[in-house]
């Protein structure tokens, strides 16, 4: 994606310039169905990259997510979760599995039954020289990227091929190589998400935010597909709707419902750029419910239809924003 850079203080450019991802590979897992493992929650972002086969990600309170070869999933809050061959398969704690099935010298784990093979690269990451403290709060708890999507296939697919090739070898230093290649995937995923978020107006500098408003923001970012009402949000903050709206607007610069729309559209831009989901499926995931509702809101905000955004890889929006800035 091309980024808007009309001033030296452009929010997206600043964030991306300071973004330094450093990943740690926990294990390369070769898993044969049936299998399942549970990862404890920790305040460290985690990721899983499917190198071969398929798997399911399950988190409490969310529908299971199917992952295919080439899919990267990021759990930005490091929540407790289960990876398995099928939803509901028995799962054992990953620490218990590793204790019973020690990793080899290259950090390779072999586990499961005698069925279909799935190969997963599992790890965590940190941001070196972190950008603003609320960056992670802008990222949804779960981000899924398809390395075969039209926007990124041309250069990310060869990196995926290198990973797949490395997984089939038994050369020394494999974990270090995997970590460096994972950095590429993670950096691209975060860059693409922040680009869409910036185009949706989510990266503006904010005033100091008190705890109740901060919690409301976290709620909206974490569960944007919920049919939130102003009364719901004000009730969670323990305020009247009038007081909540005034304090939210003072901190963020717009109403809660308008800000929610920006979050939904930023996530829709992400899905269009990094997956091959249909517009209808994206509408469901982002809380719009129908293709028509998402398309109307998306075109009003970005000046282009979801299909046009996907086809133009975001450049149509960037050119429109640059023209608007020059006219201003």
C-alpha atoms as a PDB file:
ATOM      1  CA  UNK A   1       0.000   0.000   0.000  1.00  0.00           C
ATOM      2  CA  UNK A   2       1.102   3.547  -0.651  1.00  0.00           C
ATOM      3  CA  UNK A   3       0.861   5.753   2.401  1.00  0.00           C
ATOM      4  CA  UNK A   4      -0.429   9.294   2.602  1.00  0.00           C
ATOM      5  CA  UNK A   5       2.492  11.576   3.497  1.00  0.00           C
ATOM      6  CA  UNK A   6       1.316  15.131   3.051  1.00  0.00           C
ATOM      7  CA  UNK A   7       3.141  16.436   6.142  1.00  0.00           C
ATOM      8  CA  UNK A   8       6.086  15.372   8.308  1.00  0.00           C
ATOM      9  CA  UNK A   9       3.619  14.688  11.108  1.00  0.00           C
ATOM     10  CA  UNK A  10       1.419  12.230   9.209  1.00  0.00           C
ATOM     11  CA  UNK A  11       0.219   9.785  11.868  1.00  0.00           C
ATOM     12  CA  UNK A  12       0.534   6.609   9.801  1.00  0.00           C
ATOM     13  CA  UNK A  13       4.043   7.431   8.589  1.00  0.00           C
ATOM     14  CA  UNK A  14       5.193   8.270  12.115  1.00  0.00           C
ATOM     15  CA  UNK A  15       3.886   5.018  13.512  1.00  0.00           C
ATOM     16  CA  UNK A  16       5.298   2.866  10.749  1.00  0.00           C
ATOM     17  CA  UNK A  17       8.673   4.583  10.891  1.00  0.00           C
ATOM     18  CA  UNK A  18       8.936   3.701  14.587  1.00  0.00           C
ATOM     19  CA  UNK A  19       7.561   0.169  14.274  1.00  0.00           C
ATOM     20  CA  UNK A  20      10.235  -2.422  15.047  1.00  0.00           C
ATOM     21  CA  UNK A  21       8.935  -5.949  15.450  1.00  0.00           C
ATOM     22  CA  UNK A  22      11.063  -8.524  17.241  1.00  0.00           C
ATOM     23  CA  UNK A  23       9.575 -12.001  17.277  1.00  0.00           C
ATOM     24  CA  UNK A  24      10.437 -15.091  19.265  1.00  0.00           C
ATOM     25  CA  UNK A  25       9.627 -18.534  17.892  1.00  0.00           C
ATOM     26  CA  UNK A  26       8.400 -20.900  20.592  1.00  0.00           C
ATOM     27  CA  UNK A  27       8.199 -23.988  18.430  1.00  0.00           C
ATOM     28  CA  UNK A  28       7.663 -25.395  14.968  1.00  0.00           C
ATOM     29  CA  UNK A  29       4.828 -27.858  15.552  1.00  0.00           C
ATOM     30  CA  UNK A  30       4.217 -30.893  13.353  1.00  0.00           C
ATOM     31  CA  UNK A  31       0.760 -32.076  14.391  1.00  0.00           C
ATOM     32  CA  UNK A  32      -1.255 -35.043  13.179  1.00  0.00           C
ATOM     33  CA  UNK A  33      -4.999 -35.262  13.758  1.00  0.00           C
ATOM     34  CA  UNK A  34      -6.475 -35.552  16.229  1.00  0.00           C
ATOM     35  CA  UNK A  35      -4.615 -32.898  18.198  1.00  0.00           C
ATOM     36  CA  UNK A  36      -5.219 -29.837  20.349  1.00  0.00           C
ATOM     37  CA  UNK A  37      -3.184 -27.603  22.640  1.00  0.00           C
ATOM     38  CA  UNK A  38      -4.044 -24.739  24.960  1.00  0.00           C
ATOM     39  CA  UNK A  39      -1.846 -21.661  25.391  1.00  0.00           C
ATOM     40  CA  UNK A  40      -2.046 -19.793  28.682  1.00  0.00           C
ATOM     41  CA  UNK A  41      -2.895 -16.112  28.673  1.00  0.00           C
ATOM     42  CA  UNK A  42      -0.025 -13.664  29.144  1.00  0.00           C
ATOM     43  CA  UNK A  43       0.510  -9.984  28.468  1.00  0.00           C
ATOM     44  CA  UNK A  44       2.620 -10.738  25.390  1.00  0.00           C
ATOM     45  CA  UNK A  45       1.222 -10.667  21.842  1.00  0.00           C
ATOM     46  CA  UNK A  46       1.282 -14.102  20.248  1.00  0.00           C
ATOM     47  CA  UNK A  47       1.056 -15.426  16.713  1.00  0.00           C
ATOM     48  CA  UNK A  48       0.508 -18.649  14.789  1.00  0.00           C
ATOM     49  CA  UNK A  49       1.458 -19.126  11.134  1.00  0.00           C
ATOM     50  CA  UNK A  50       0.023 -22.152   9.324  1.00  0.00           C
ATOM     51  CA  UNK A  51       2.727 -23.546   7.045  1.00  0.00           C
ATOM     52  CA  UNK A  52       0.790 -26.628   5.939  1.00  0.00           C
ATOM     53  CA  UNK A  53      -2.605 -28.187   6.527  1.00  0.00           C
ATOM     54  CA  UNK A  54      -5.293 -26.417   8.526  1.00  0.00           C
ATOM     55  CA  UNK A  55      -6.299 -25.697  12.119  1.00  0.00           C
ATOM     56  CA  UNK A  56      -8.896 -23.979  14.277  1.00  0.00           C
ATOM     57  CA  UNK A  57      -8.372 -21.166  16.770  1.00  0.00           C
ATOM     58  CA  UNK A  58     -10.807 -21.030  19.704  1.00  0.00           C
ATOM     59  CA  UNK A  59     -11.088 -18.218  22.274  1.00  0.00           C
ATOM     60  CA  UNK A  60     -13.636 -17.861  25.052  1.00  0.00           C
ATOM     61  CA  UNK A  61     -16.665 -15.854  23.958  1.00  0.00           C
ATOM     62  CA  UNK A  62     -15.780 -15.927  20.242  1.00  0.00           C
ATOM     63  CA  UNK A  63     -16.695 -18.173  17.353  1.00  0.00           C
ATOM     64  CA  UNK A  64     -13.885 -20.579  16.335  1.00  0.00           C
ATOM     65  CA  UNK A  65     -11.768 -19.346  13.435  1.00  0.00           C
ATOM     66  CA  UNK A  66     -10.559 -21.719  10.732  1.00  0.00           C
ATOM     67  CA  UNK A  67      -7.003 -21.212   9.506  1.00  0.00           C
ATOM     68  CA  UNK A  68      -5.564 -22.590   6.278  1.00  0.00           C
ATOM     69  CA  UNK A  69      -2.006 -22.893   4.961  1.00  0.00           C
ATOM     70  CA  UNK A  70      -0.667 -19.370   4.482  1.00  0.00           C
ATOM     71  CA  UNK A  71      -2.773 -17.818   7.248  1.00  0.00           C
ATOM     72  CA  UNK A  72      -1.222 -15.753  10.016  1.00  0.00           C
ATOM     73  CA  UNK A  73      -3.214 -15.009  13.154  1.00  0.00           C
ATOM     74  CA  UNK A  74      -2.104 -12.438  15.730  1.00  0.00           C
ATOM     75  CA  UNK A  75      -3.468 -12.392  19.275  1.00  0.00           C
ATOM     76  CA  UNK A  76      -2.518  -8.869  20.278  1.00  0.00           C
ATOM     77  CA  UNK A  77      -3.570  -9.242  23.947  1.00  0.00           C
ATOM     78  CA  UNK A  78      -1.949 -12.642  24.375  1.00  0.00           C
ATOM     79  CA  UNK A  79      -5.246 -14.187  25.474  1.00  0.00           C
ATOM     80  CA  UNK A  80      -5.631 -17.799  26.549  1.00  0.00           C
ATOM     81  CA  UNK A  81      -6.626 -19.811  23.472  1.00  0.00           C
ATOM     82  CA  UNK A  82      -6.803 -23.265  21.961  1.00  0.00           C
ATOM     83  CA  UNK A  83      -5.400 -24.480  18.648  1.00  0.00           C
ATOM     84  CA  UNK A  84      -6.798 -27.780  17.342  1.00  0.00           C
ATOM     85  CA  UNK A  85      -7.491 -29.871  14.272  1.00  0.00           C
ATOM     86  CA  UNK A  86     -11.253 -29.428  14.793  1.00  0.00           C
ATOM     87  CA  UNK A  87     -13.356 -27.288  17.145  1.00  0.00           C
ATOM     88  CA  UNK A  88     -13.963 -29.217  20.348  1.00  0.00           C
ATOM     89  CA  UNK A  89     -11.033 -31.609  19.994  1.00  0.00           C
ATOM     90  CA  UNK A  90      -9.497 -32.411  23.411  1.00  0.00           C
ATOM     91  CA  UNK A  91      -6.732 -29.919  24.201  1.00  0.00           C
ATOM     92  CA  UNK A  92      -3.772 -30.249  26.559  1.00  0.00           C
ATOM     93  CA  UNK A  93      -1.716 -27.358  27.901  1.00  0.00           C
ATOM     94  CA  UNK A  94       1.182 -26.613  25.574  1.00  0.00           C
ATOM     95  CA  UNK A  95       3.617 -26.575  28.498  1.00  0.00           C
ATOM     96  CA  UNK A  96       2.487 -30.096  29.462  1.00  0.00           C
ATOM     97  CA  UNK A  97       2.844 -31.314  25.872  1.00  0.00           C
ATOM     98  CA  UNK A  98       6.370 -29.899  25.585  1.00  0.00           C
ATOM     99  CA  UNK A  99       7.324 -31.501  28.894  1.00  0.00           C
ATOM    100  CA  UNK A 100       6.147 -34.904  27.628  1.00  0.00           C
ATOM    101  CA  UNK A 101       7.404 -34.411  24.053  1.00  0.00           C
ATOM    102  CA  UNK A 102      10.662 -32.410  24.314  1.00  0.00           C
ATOM    103  CA  UNK A 103      11.529 -30.128  21.409  1.00  0.00           C
ATOM    104  CA  UNK A 104      14.425 -31.175  19.225  1.00  0.00           C
ATOM    105  CA  UNK A 105      17.566 -29.060  18.759  1.00  0.00           C
ATOM    106  CA  UNK A 106      15.744 -26.814  16.254  1.00  0.00           C
ATOM    107  CA  UNK A 107      12.699 -26.256  18.453  1.00  0.00           C
ATOM    108  CA  UNK A 108      10.542 -28.745  16.539  1.00  0.00           C
ATOM    109  CA  UNK A 109       7.574 -30.348  18.292  1.00  0.00           C
ATOM    110  CA  UNK A 110       5.948 -33.574  17.042  1.00  0.00           C
ATOM    111  CA  UNK A 111       2.555 -34.403  18.522  1.00  0.00           C
ATOM    112  CA  UNK A 112      -0.887 -35.874  17.882  1.00  0.00           C
ATOM    113  CA  UNK A 113      -2.358 -38.950  16.254  1.00  0.00           C
ATOM    114  CA  UNK A 114      -1.924 -40.524  12.837  1.00  0.00           C
ATOM    115  CA  UNK A 115      -4.260 -38.371  10.716  1.00  0.00           C
ATOM    116  CA  UNK A 116      -3.773 -35.349   8.486  1.00  0.00           C
ATOM    117  CA  UNK A 117      -0.629 -33.268   9.066  1.00  0.00           C
ATOM    118  CA  UNK A 118      -0.666 -29.617  10.088  1.00  0.00           C
ATOM    119  CA  UNK A 119       2.535 -27.585  10.487  1.00  0.00           C
ATOM    120  CA  UNK A 120       2.370 -24.493  12.692  1.00  0.00           C
ATOM    121  CA  UNK A 121       4.945 -21.871  13.572  1.00  0.00           C
ATOM    122  CA  UNK A 122       4.066 -20.527  17.018  1.00  0.00           C
ATOM    123  CA  UNK A 123       5.598 -17.581  18.824  1.00  0.00           C
ATOM    124  CA  UNK A 124       5.285 -14.176  20.389  1.00  0.00           C
ATOM    125  CA  UNK A 125       6.593 -10.703  19.660  1.00  0.00           C
ATOM    126  CA  UNK A 126       7.389  -7.321  21.145  1.00  0.00           C
ATOM    127  CA  UNK A 127       7.750  -3.883  19.616  1.00  0.00           C
ATOM    128  CA  UNK A 128      11.225  -2.412  20.003  1.00  0.00           C
ATOM    129  CA  UNK A 129      11.384   1.328  20.635  1.00  0.00           C
ATOM    130  CA  UNK A 130       7.606   1.239  21.019  1.00  0.00           C
ATOM    131  CA  UNK A 131       5.471   3.883  19.356  1.00  0.00           C
ATOM    132  CA  UNK A 132       2.697   5.551  21.400  1.00  0.00           C
ATOM    133  CA  UNK A 133       1.585   3.441  24.362  1.00  0.00           C
ATOM    134  CA  UNK A 134      -1.938   3.000  23.029  1.00  0.00           C
ATOM    135  CA  UNK A 135      -0.824   1.374  19.750  1.00  0.00           C
ATOM    136  CA  UNK A 136      -1.658  -2.163  20.841  1.00  0.00           C
ATOM    137  CA  UNK A 137      -5.043  -0.944  22.090  1.00  0.00           C
ATOM    138  CA  UNK A 138      -5.846   0.096  18.500  1.00  0.00           C
ATOM    139  CA  UNK A 139      -5.268  -3.435  17.233  1.00  0.00           C
ATOM    140  CA  UNK A 140      -8.144  -5.912  17.601  1.00  0.00           C
ATOM    141  CA  UNK A 141      -7.557  -8.880  19.937  1.00  0.00           C
ATOM    142  CA  UNK A 142      -7.471 -11.188  16.898  1.00  0.00           C
ATOM    143  CA  UNK A 143      -6.046 -10.306  13.479  1.00  0.00           C
ATOM    144  CA  UNK A 144      -6.067 -12.872  10.691  1.00  0.00           C
ATOM    145  CA  UNK A 145      -4.040 -12.377   7.511  1.00  0.00           C
ATOM    146  CA  UNK A 146      -4.068 -14.532   4.396  1.00  0.00           C
ATOM    147  CA  UNK A 147      -0.617 -14.424   2.801  1.00  0.00           C
ATOM    148  CA  UNK A 148      -2.251 -15.434  -0.521  1.00  0.00           C
ATOM    149  CA  UNK A 149      -4.515 -12.379  -0.677  1.00  0.00           C
ATOM    150  CA  UNK A 150      -4.240 -10.206  -3.777  1.00  0.00           C
ATOM    151  CA  UNK A 151      -2.697  -7.234  -1.990  1.00  0.00           C
ATOM    152  CA  UNK A 152       0.370  -8.973  -0.635  1.00  0.00           C
ATOM    153  CA  UNK A 153       0.916 -12.176  -2.593  1.00  0.00           C
ATOM    154  CA  UNK A 154       3.518 -10.726  -4.963  1.00  0.00           C
ATOM    155  CA  UNK A 155       6.201 -10.356  -2.301  1.00  0.00           C
ATOM    156  CA  UNK A 156       4.958 -12.127   0.842  1.00  0.00           C
ATOM    157  CA  UNK A 157       4.321 -15.462  -0.849  1.00  0.00           C
ATOM    158  CA  UNK A 158       8.053 -15.989  -1.596  1.00  0.00           C
ATOM    159  CA  UNK A 159       8.782 -15.360   2.095  1.00  0.00           C
ATOM    160  CA  UNK A 160       6.157 -17.960   2.970  1.00  0.00           C
ATOM    161  CA  UNK A 161       7.813 -20.355   0.510  1.00  0.00           C
ATOM    162  CA  UNK A 162      11.157 -19.832   2.292  1.00  0.00           C
ATOM    163  CA  UNK A 163       9.517 -20.667   5.604  1.00  0.00           C
ATOM    164  CA  UNK A 164       7.931 -23.776   4.163  1.00  0.00           C
ATOM    165  CA  UNK A 165      11.274 -24.839   2.711  1.00  0.00           C
ATOM    166  CA  UNK A 166      13.062 -24.245   6.012  1.00  0.00           C
ATOM    167  CA  UNK A 167      10.412 -26.288   7.834  1.00  0.00           C
ATOM    168  CA  UNK A 168      11.266 -29.264   5.619  1.00  0.00           C
ATOM    169  CA  UNK A 169      14.969 -29.136   6.454  1.00  0.00           C
ATOM    170  CA  UNK A 170      16.916 -30.058   9.571  1.00  0.00           C
ATOM    171  CA  UNK A 171      19.599 -27.413   9.330  1.00  0.00           C
ATOM    172  CA  UNK A 172      21.096 -25.747  12.422  1.00  0.00           C
ATOM    173  CA  UNK A 173      19.861 -22.282  13.370  1.00  0.00           C
ATOM    174  CA  UNK A 174      16.324 -22.872  12.095  1.00  0.00           C
ATOM    175  CA  UNK A 175      14.673 -21.036  15.010  1.00  0.00           C
ATOM    176  CA  UNK A 176      16.712 -17.901  14.315  1.00  0.00           C
ATOM    177  CA  UNK A 177      15.775 -18.002  10.622  1.00  0.00           C
ATOM    178  CA  UNK A 178      12.100 -18.555  11.453  1.00  0.00           C
ATOM    179  CA  UNK A 179      12.144 -15.591  13.839  1.00  0.00           C
ATOM    180  CA  UNK A 180      13.568 -13.264  11.201  1.00  0.00           C
ATOM    181  CA  UNK A 181      11.053 -14.414   8.588  1.00  0.00           C
ATOM    182  CA  UNK A 182       8.234 -14.090  11.122  1.00  0.00           C
ATOM    183  CA  UNK A 183       9.317 -10.472  11.657  1.00  0.00           C
ATOM    184  CA  UNK A 184       8.463  -9.835   8.000  1.00  0.00           C
ATOM    185  CA  UNK A 185       4.985 -11.320   8.292  1.00  0.00           C
ATOM    186  CA  UNK A 186       4.208  -9.522  11.537  1.00  0.00           C
ATOM    187  CA  UNK A 187       5.525  -6.170  10.331  1.00  0.00           C
ATOM    188  CA  UNK A 188       3.451  -6.384   7.160  1.00  0.00           C
ATOM    189  CA  UNK A 189       0.341  -7.374   9.093  1.00  0.00           C
ATOM    190  CA  UNK A 190       0.669  -4.463  11.528  1.00  0.00           C
ATOM    191  CA  UNK A 191       1.549  -2.031   8.738  1.00  0.00           C
ATOM    192  CA  UNK A 192      -1.484  -3.001   6.699  1.00  0.00           C
ATOM    193  CA  UNK A 193      -3.817  -2.738   9.669  1.00  0.00           C
ATOM    194  CA  UNK A 194      -2.447   0.661  10.736  1.00  0.00           C
ATOM    195  CA  UNK A 195      -2.716   1.952   7.180  1.00  0.00           C
ATOM    196  CA  UNK A 196      -6.430   1.128   7.093  1.00  0.00           C
ATOM    197  CA  UNK A 197      -6.881   2.502  10.617  1.00  0.00           C
ATOM    198  CA  UNK A 198      -5.170   5.732   9.606  1.00  0.00           C
ATOM    199  CA  UNK A 199      -7.360   6.103   6.532  1.00  0.00           C
ATOM    200  CA  UNK A 200     -10.405   5.602   8.775  1.00  0.00           C
ATOM    201  CA  UNK A 201      -9.212   8.424  11.059  1.00  0.00           C
ATOM    202  CA  UNK A 202      -8.266   6.312  14.089  1.00  0.00           C
ATOM    203  CA  UNK A 203      -4.704   7.557  14.558  1.00  0.00           C
ATOM    204  CA  UNK A 204      -5.406  11.119  15.599  1.00  0.00           C
ATOM    205  CA  UNK A 205      -3.637  12.420  18.677  1.00  0.00           C
ATOM    206  CA  UNK A 206      -5.911  12.425  21.716  1.00  0.00           C
ATOM    207  CA  UNK A 207      -6.266  14.380  24.899  1.00  0.00           C
ATOM    208  CA  UNK A 208      -5.542  12.625  28.191  1.00  0.00           C
ATOM    209  CA  UNK A 209      -8.155   9.917  28.684  1.00  0.00           C
ATOM    210  CA  UNK A 210      -9.538   8.972  32.095  1.00  0.00           C
ATOM    211  CA  UNK A 211     -10.231   5.364  33.136  1.00  0.00           C
ATOM    212  CA  UNK A 212     -13.969   5.120  32.267  1.00  0.00           C
ATOM    213  CA  UNK A 213     -13.486   6.571  28.784  1.00  0.00           C
ATOM    214  CA  UNK A 214     -10.372   4.458  28.264  1.00  0.00           C
ATOM    215  CA  UNK A 215     -12.364   1.353  29.132  1.00  0.00           C
ATOM    216  CA  UNK A 216     -15.113   2.365  26.703  1.00  0.00           C
ATOM    217  CA  UNK A 217     -12.516   2.773  23.946  1.00  0.00           C
ATOM    218  CA  UNK A 218     -11.055  -0.651  24.736  1.00  0.00           C
ATOM    219  CA  UNK A 219     -14.526  -2.185  24.611  1.00  0.00           C
ATOM    220  CA  UNK A 220     -15.247  -0.688  21.195  1.00  0.00           C
ATOM    221  CA  UNK A 221     -11.895  -1.804  19.765  1.00  0.00           C
ATOM    222  CA  UNK A 222     -12.195  -5.300  21.199  1.00  0.00           C
ATOM    223  CA  UNK A 223     -15.817  -5.987  20.176  1.00  0.00           C
ATOM    224  CA  UNK A 224     -16.797  -3.635  17.327  1.00  0.00           C
ATOM    225  CA  UNK A 225     -19.268  -6.101  15.792  1.00  0.00           C
ATOM    226  CA  UNK A 226     -21.571  -5.882  18.826  1.00  0.00           C
ATOM    227  CA  UNK A 227     -24.696  -3.782  18.240  1.00  0.00           C
ATOM    228  CA  UNK A 228     -23.635  -1.150  20.777  1.00  0.00           C
ATOM    229  CA  UNK A 229     -26.006   1.640  21.804  1.00  0.00           C
ATOM    230  CA  UNK A 230     -25.087   4.843  23.556  1.00  0.00           C
ATOM    231  CA  UNK A 231     -27.061   3.649  26.588  1.00  0.00           C
ATOM    232  CA  UNK A 232     -25.002   0.406  26.709  1.00  0.00           C
ATOM    233  CA  UNK A 233     -21.692   2.252  26.674  1.00  0.00           C
ATOM    234  CA  UNK A 234     -22.769   4.949  29.145  1.00  0.00           C
ATOM    235  CA  UNK A 235     -24.084   2.271  31.507  1.00  0.00           C
ATOM    236  CA  UNK A 236     -20.766   0.420  31.443  1.00  0.00           C
ATOM    237  CA  UNK A 237     -18.996   3.670  32.297  1.00  0.00           C
ATOM    238  CA  UNK A 238     -21.467   4.426  35.096  1.00  0.00           C
ATOM    239  CA  UNK A 239     -22.578   7.725  33.559  1.00  0.00           C
ATOM    240  CA  UNK A 240     -25.624   9.282  32.014  1.00  0.00           C
ATOM    241  CA  UNK A 241     -25.680   9.299  28.226  1.00  0.00           C
ATOM    242  CA  UNK A 242     -25.244  13.080  28.144  1.00  0.00           C
ATOM    243  CA  UNK A 243     -22.229  13.087  30.469  1.00  0.00           C
ATOM    244  CA  UNK A 244     -20.649  10.081  28.776  1.00  0.00           C
ATOM    245  CA  UNK A 245     -21.019  11.600  25.312  1.00  0.00           C
ATOM    246  CA  UNK A 246     -19.551  14.928  26.463  1.00  0.00           C
ATOM    247  CA  UNK A 247     -16.528  13.310  28.121  1.00  0.00           C
ATOM    248  CA  UNK A 248     -15.972  10.907  25.216  1.00  0.00           C
ATOM    249  CA  UNK A 249     -16.136  13.738  22.700  1.00  0.00           C
ATOM    250  CA  UNK A 250     -13.732  15.860  24.752  1.00  0.00           C
ATOM    251  CA  UNK A 251     -11.191  13.025  24.844  1.00  0.00           C
ATOM    252  CA  UNK A 252     -11.575  11.604  21.328  1.00  0.00           C
ATOM    253  CA  UNK A 253     -13.010  14.480  19.304  1.00  0.00           C
ATOM    254  CA  UNK A 254     -16.244  12.835  18.182  1.00  0.00           C
ATOM    255  CA  UNK A 255     -19.210  10.872  19.460  1.00  0.00           C
ATOM    256  CA  UNK A 256     -18.901   7.231  20.587  1.00  0.00           C
ATOM    257  CA  UNK A 257     -21.115   5.930  17.770  1.00  0.00           C
ATOM    258  CA  UNK A 258     -19.169   7.859  15.136  1.00  0.00           C
ATOM    259  CA  UNK A 259     -15.897   6.528  16.548  1.00  0.00           C
ATOM    260  CA  UNK A 260     -17.315   3.002  16.488  1.00  0.00           C
ATOM    261  CA  UNK A 261     -18.049   3.437  12.788  1.00  0.00           C
ATOM    262  CA  UNK A 262     -14.404   4.382  12.198  1.00  0.00           C
ATOM    263  CA  UNK A 263     -13.224   1.239  13.989  1.00  0.00           C
ATOM    264  CA  UNK A 264     -15.534  -0.939  11.921  1.00  0.00           C
ATOM    265  CA  UNK A 265     -14.452   0.668   8.658  1.00  0.00           C
ATOM    266  CA  UNK A 266     -10.773   0.415   9.584  1.00  0.00           C
ATOM    267  CA  UNK A 267     -11.232  -3.297  10.184  1.00  0.00           C
ATOM    268  CA  UNK A 268     -13.168  -3.659   6.941  1.00  0.00           C
ATOM    269  CA  UNK A 269     -10.227  -2.065   5.104  1.00  0.00           C
ATOM    270  CA  UNK A 270      -7.942  -4.594   6.800  1.00  0.00           C
ATOM    271  CA  UNK A 271     -10.049  -7.555   5.698  1.00  0.00           C
ATOM    272  CA  UNK A 272     -10.225  -6.234   2.143  1.00  0.00           C
ATOM    273  CA  UNK A 273      -6.433  -5.875   2.023  1.00  0.00           C
ATOM    274  CA  UNK A 274      -5.371  -9.080   3.718  1.00  0.00           C
ATOM    275  CA  UNK A 275      -8.046 -11.720   3.119  1.00  0.00           C
ATOM    276  CA  UNK A 276     -10.199 -13.093   0.339  1.00  0.00           C
ATOM    277  CA  UNK A 277     -13.359 -12.891   2.425  1.00  0.00           C
ATOM    278  CA  UNK A 278     -16.443 -11.764   0.551  1.00  0.00           C
ATOM    279  CA  UNK A 279     -17.801  -8.282   1.239  1.00  0.00           C
ATOM    280  CA  UNK A 280     -20.834  -9.947   2.796  1.00  0.00           C
ATOM    281  CA  UNK A 281     -18.630 -11.913   5.220  1.00  0.00           C
ATOM    282  CA  UNK A 282     -16.685  -8.762   6.072  1.00  0.00           C
ATOM    283  CA  UNK A 283     -19.940  -6.909   6.716  1.00  0.00           C
ATOM    284  CA  UNK A 284     -20.928  -9.613   9.205  1.00  0.00           C
ATOM    285  CA  UNK A 285     -17.541  -9.556  10.966  1.00  0.00           C
ATOM    286  CA  UNK A 286     -17.520  -5.778  11.325  1.00  0.00           C
ATOM    287  CA  UNK A 287     -21.067  -5.348  12.614  1.00  0.00           C
ATOM    288  CA  UNK A 288     -22.736  -4.002   9.474  1.00  0.00           C
ATOM    289  CA  UNK A 289     -24.716  -7.152   8.855  1.00  0.00           C
ATOM    290  CA  UNK A 290     -25.289  -6.705   5.123  1.00  0.00           C
ATOM    291  CA  UNK A 291     -23.245  -6.033   2.010  1.00  0.00           C
ATOM    292  CA  UNK A 292     -25.374  -2.959   1.262  1.00  0.00           C
ATOM    293  CA  UNK A 293     -24.906  -1.399   4.715  1.00  0.00           C
ATOM    294  CA  UNK A 294     -21.131  -1.840   4.654  1.00  0.00           C
ATOM    295  CA  UNK A 295     -20.797  -0.635   1.061  1.00  0.00           C
ATOM    296  CA  UNK A 296     -22.776   2.525   1.781  1.00  0.00           C
ATOM    297  CA  UNK A 297     -20.768   3.401   4.899  1.00  0.00           C
ATOM    298  CA  UNK A 298     -17.441   2.469   3.285  1.00  0.00           C
ATOM    299  CA  UNK A 299     -18.009   4.586   0.187  1.00  0.00           C
ATOM    300  CA  UNK A 300     -19.157   7.549   2.291  1.00  0.00           C
ATOM    301  CA  UNK A 301     -15.958   7.395   4.386  1.00  0.00           C
ATOM    302  CA  UNK A 302     -13.371   6.361   1.784  1.00  0.00           C
ATOM    303  CA  UNK A 303     -14.911   7.664  -1.421  1.00  0.00           C
ATOM    304  CA  UNK A 304     -14.672   4.255  -3.075  1.00  0.00           C
ATOM    305  CA  UNK A 305     -16.602   0.982  -2.844  1.00  0.00           C
ATOM    306  CA  UNK A 306     -15.171  -1.991  -0.928  1.00  0.00           C
ATOM    307  CA  UNK A 307     -14.518  -3.731  -4.254  1.00  0.00           C
ATOM    308  CA  UNK A 308     -12.722  -0.667  -5.596  1.00  0.00           C
ATOM    309  CA  UNK A 309     -10.615  -0.449  -2.442  1.00  0.00           C
ATOM    310  CA  UNK A 310      -9.614  -4.101  -2.736  1.00  0.00           C
ATOM    311  CA  UNK A 311      -8.820  -3.755  -6.444  1.00  0.00           C
ATOM    312  CA  UNK A 312      -6.827  -0.552  -5.950  1.00  0.00           C
ATOM    313  CA  UNK A 313      -5.068  -1.845  -2.796  1.00  0.00           C
ATOM    314  CA  UNK A 314      -5.925   1.360  -0.955  1.00  0.00           C
ATOM    315  CA  UNK A 315      -4.243   3.714  -3.436  1.00  0.00           C
ATOM    316  CA  UNK A 316      -7.580   5.231  -4.526  1.00  0.00           C
ATOM    317  CA  UNK A 317      -8.178   6.374  -0.970  1.00  0.00           C
ATOM    318  CA  UNK A 318      -4.678   7.748  -0.590  1.00  0.00           C
ATOM    319  CA  UNK A 319      -4.986   9.790  -3.789  1.00  0.00           C
ATOM    320  CA  UNK A 320      -8.386  11.142  -2.692  1.00  0.00           C
ATOM    321  CA  UNK A 321      -7.021  12.110   0.726  1.00  0.00           C
ATOM    322  CA  UNK A 322      -4.012  13.800  -0.839  1.00  0.00           C
ATOM    323  CA  UNK A 323      -6.287  15.829  -3.136  1.00  0.00           C
ATOM    324  CA  UNK A 324      -8.473  16.813  -0.186  1.00  0.00           C
ATOM    325  CA  UNK A 325      -5.412  17.937   1.764  1.00  0.00           C
ATOM    326  CA  UNK A 326      -4.127  20.016  -1.139  1.00  0.00           C
ATOM    327  CA  UNK A 327      -7.528  21.711  -1.514  1.00  0.00           C
ATOM    328  CA  UNK A 328      -7.588  22.417   2.240  1.00  0.00           C
END
